[in-house]
Amino acid sequence: MYASIDPAALDSLFEPTSPARPGERVGSLTFDYDGKQVTVGADGEITIDSSPETDRSSRRSI
C-alpha cells in the first residue's frame, strides 16, 4: 500500500487548520484498497476492515 498512497499527502490533509489550536488534528479518511476498507485517522490510527464489500454497500460516498 505504501507504493500507492503518499504519506506526505495524508500528513498535509490532517494539518491543523486553526491557529488557536496549532497541535490539534482531527478527522479521518476512508478508502477501498485491494478489496478492503482502510481508515486513516488524524491521530495516526489505521484500521483495515476486510469484510466483503457487499456488506458495505449501504455506505455513502461524499
N, C-alpha and C. Protein backbone atom coordinates (compact mmCIF):
# COMPACT_ATOMS: atom_id res chain seq x y z
N MET A 1 0.83 -1.18 0.00
CA MET A 1 0.00 0.00 0.00
C MET A 1 0.88 1.25 0.00
N TYR A 2 2.07 1.17 0.59
CA TYR A 2 2.94 2.34 0.68
C TYR A 2 3.26 2.90 -0.70
N ALA A 3 3.37 2.01 -1.70
CA ALA A 3 3.68 2.47 -3.07
C ALA A 3 2.49 3.16 -3.72
N SER A 4 1.29 2.96 -3.19
CA SER A 4 0.08 3.54 -3.78
C SER A 4 -0.41 4.80 -3.08
N ILE A 5 -0.06 4.96 -1.82
CA ILE A 5 -0.54 6.09 -1.01
C ILE A 5 0.64 6.98 -0.65
N ASP A 6 0.48 8.26 -0.80
CA ASP A 6 1.53 9.22 -0.47
C ASP A 6 1.38 9.65 0.99
N PRO A 7 2.26 9.17 1.89
CA PRO A 7 2.13 9.52 3.30
C PRO A 7 2.23 11.03 3.56
N ALA A 8 3.02 11.73 2.77
CA ALA A 8 3.13 13.19 2.95
C ALA A 8 1.81 13.87 2.64
N ALA A 9 1.08 13.35 1.66
CA ALA A 9 -0.23 13.91 1.33
C ALA A 9 -1.20 13.69 2.48
N LEU A 10 -1.15 12.52 3.11
CA LEU A 10 -2.01 12.27 4.27
C LEU A 10 -1.66 13.22 5.41
N ASP A 11 -0.37 13.42 5.64
CA ASP A 11 0.05 14.36 6.70
C ASP A 11 -0.49 15.75 6.42
N SER A 12 -0.39 16.20 5.18
CA SER A 12 -0.86 17.56 4.88
C SER A 12 -2.38 17.65 4.95
N LEU A 13 -3.07 16.55 4.65
CA LEU A 13 -4.53 16.54 4.75
C LEU A 13 -4.99 16.80 6.18
N PHE A 14 -4.23 16.29 7.15
CA PHE A 14 -4.61 16.42 8.55
C PHE A 14 -3.90 17.55 9.28
N GLU A 15 -3.27 18.46 8.56
CA GLU A 15 -2.62 19.60 9.21
C GLU A 15 -3.67 20.43 9.95
N PRO A 16 -3.30 20.95 11.11
CA PRO A 16 -4.23 21.79 11.86
C PRO A 16 -4.65 23.00 11.02
N THR A 17 -5.91 23.37 11.12
CA THR A 17 -6.42 24.50 10.33
C THR A 17 -6.72 25.72 11.19
N SER A 18 -6.62 25.56 12.49
CA SER A 18 -6.94 26.68 13.39
C SER A 18 -5.68 27.18 14.07
N PRO A 19 -5.34 28.45 13.89
CA PRO A 19 -4.18 29.00 14.60
C PRO A 19 -4.34 28.95 16.12
N ALA A 20 -5.58 28.92 16.58
CA ALA A 20 -5.85 28.87 18.01
C ALA A 20 -5.49 27.50 18.61
N ARG A 21 -5.47 26.48 17.77
CA ARG A 21 -5.16 25.11 18.21
C ARG A 21 -4.13 24.50 17.27
N PRO A 22 -2.89 24.94 17.31
CA PRO A 22 -1.89 24.53 16.33
C PRO A 22 -1.54 23.05 16.35
N GLY A 23 -1.73 22.36 17.46
CA GLY A 23 -1.39 20.94 17.52
C GLY A 23 -2.55 20.01 17.28
N GLU A 24 -3.75 20.56 17.14
CA GLU A 24 -4.94 19.73 17.02
C GLU A 24 -5.10 19.20 15.59
N ARG A 25 -5.22 17.89 15.49
CA ARG A 25 -5.50 17.25 14.20
C ARG A 25 -6.79 16.44 14.37
N VAL A 26 -7.72 16.63 13.47
CA VAL A 26 -9.00 15.93 13.56
C VAL A 26 -9.37 15.36 12.20
N GLY A 27 -10.26 14.38 12.24
CA GLY A 27 -10.81 13.82 11.01
C GLY A 27 -10.27 12.44 10.69
N SER A 28 -10.76 11.90 9.59
CA SER A 28 -10.30 10.61 9.10
C SER A 28 -10.58 10.52 7.61
N LEU A 29 -9.91 9.59 6.98
CA LEU A 29 -10.07 9.35 5.55
C LEU A 29 -10.29 7.86 5.38
N THR A 30 -11.34 7.48 4.65
CA THR A 30 -11.64 6.08 4.40
C THR A 30 -11.64 5.84 2.90
N PHE A 31 -10.98 4.75 2.50
CA PHE A 31 -10.92 4.40 1.08
C PHE A 31 -10.83 2.89 0.95
N ASP A 32 -11.18 2.39 -0.23
CA ASP A 32 -11.07 0.96 -0.51
C ASP A 32 -9.71 0.70 -1.15
N TYR A 33 -9.07 -0.39 -0.70
CA TYR A 33 -7.79 -0.79 -1.25
C TYR A 33 -7.73 -2.31 -1.28
N ASP A 34 -7.58 -2.85 -2.45
CA ASP A 34 -7.44 -4.30 -2.62
C ASP A 34 -8.58 -5.07 -1.95
N GLY A 35 -9.80 -4.56 -2.09
CA GLY A 35 -10.97 -5.24 -1.55
C GLY A 35 -11.19 -5.03 -0.06
N LYS A 36 -10.38 -4.18 0.55
CA LYS A 36 -10.52 -3.90 1.98
C LYS A 36 -10.81 -2.43 2.19
N GLN A 37 -11.49 -2.11 3.27
CA GLN A 37 -11.78 -0.72 3.61
C GLN A 37 -10.72 -0.26 4.62
N VAL A 38 -10.00 0.79 4.25
CA VAL A 38 -8.92 1.31 5.08
C VAL A 38 -9.34 2.68 5.60
N THR A 39 -9.21 2.89 6.91
CA THR A 39 -9.49 4.18 7.51
C THR A 39 -8.22 4.67 8.20
N VAL A 40 -7.82 5.89 7.84
CA VAL A 40 -6.65 6.53 8.45
C VAL A 40 -7.15 7.72 9.25
N GLY A 41 -6.86 7.72 10.53
CA GLY A 41 -7.29 8.81 11.40
C GLY A 41 -6.22 9.87 11.52
N ALA A 42 -6.64 11.08 11.85
CA ALA A 42 -5.71 12.19 12.03
C ALA A 42 -4.73 11.91 13.15
N ASP A 43 -5.11 11.02 14.08
CA ASP A 43 -4.22 10.67 15.19
C ASP A 43 -3.20 9.61 14.81
N GLY A 44 -3.23 9.15 13.54
CA GLY A 44 -2.28 8.16 13.06
C GLY A 44 -2.79 6.74 13.11
N GLU A 45 -3.97 6.53 13.69
CA GLU A 45 -4.52 5.18 13.77
C GLU A 45 -4.98 4.74 12.39
N ILE A 46 -4.65 3.49 12.04
CA ILE A 46 -5.06 2.90 10.77
C ILE A 46 -5.89 1.67 11.07
N THR A 47 -7.08 1.60 10.48
CA THR A 47 -7.97 0.46 10.66
C THR A 47 -8.23 -0.16 9.30
N ILE A 48 -8.14 -1.49 9.22
CA ILE A 48 -8.40 -2.20 7.98
C ILE A 48 -9.56 -3.15 8.22
N ASP A 49 -10.62 -2.99 7.43
CA ASP A 49 -11.81 -3.83 7.53
C ASP A 49 -11.82 -4.75 6.31
N SER A 50 -11.69 -6.03 6.56
CA SER A 50 -11.64 -6.98 5.45
C SER A 50 -12.99 -7.64 5.17
N SER A 51 -14.08 -7.06 5.70
CA SER A 51 -15.41 -7.58 5.41
C SER A 51 -15.66 -7.52 3.91
N PRO A 52 -16.45 -8.42 3.40
CA PRO A 52 -16.77 -8.33 1.96
C PRO A 52 -17.39 -6.99 1.63
N GLU A 53 -17.05 -6.45 0.48
CA GLU A 53 -17.56 -5.13 0.08
C GLU A 53 -19.07 -5.08 0.01
N THR A 54 -19.72 -6.20 -0.26
CA THR A 54 -21.17 -6.20 -0.34
C THR A 54 -21.79 -5.82 1.00
N ASP A 55 -21.09 -6.09 2.11
CA ASP A 55 -21.60 -5.72 3.42
C ASP A 55 -21.57 -4.21 3.62
N ARG A 56 -20.75 -3.50 2.83
CA ARG A 56 -20.61 -2.06 2.96
C ARG A 56 -21.38 -1.31 1.87
N SER A 57 -22.26 -2.00 1.17
CA SER A 57 -22.94 -1.37 0.03
C SER A 57 -23.81 -0.20 0.42
N SER A 58 -24.21 -0.11 1.68
CA SER A 58 -25.07 1.00 2.10
C SER A 58 -24.25 2.23 2.46
N ARG A 59 -22.94 2.13 2.44
CA ARG A 59 -22.07 3.25 2.79
C ARG A 59 -22.18 4.34 1.72
N ARG A 60 -22.26 5.58 2.17
CA ARG A 60 -22.37 6.71 1.25
C ARG A 60 -21.02 7.33 1.03
N SER A 61 -20.75 7.72 -0.19
CA SER A 61 -19.52 8.44 -0.51
C SER A 61 -19.86 9.89 -0.78
N ILE A 62 -19.03 10.75 -0.25
CA ILE A 62 -19.24 12.18 -0.47
C ILE A 62 -18.02 12.75 -1.17
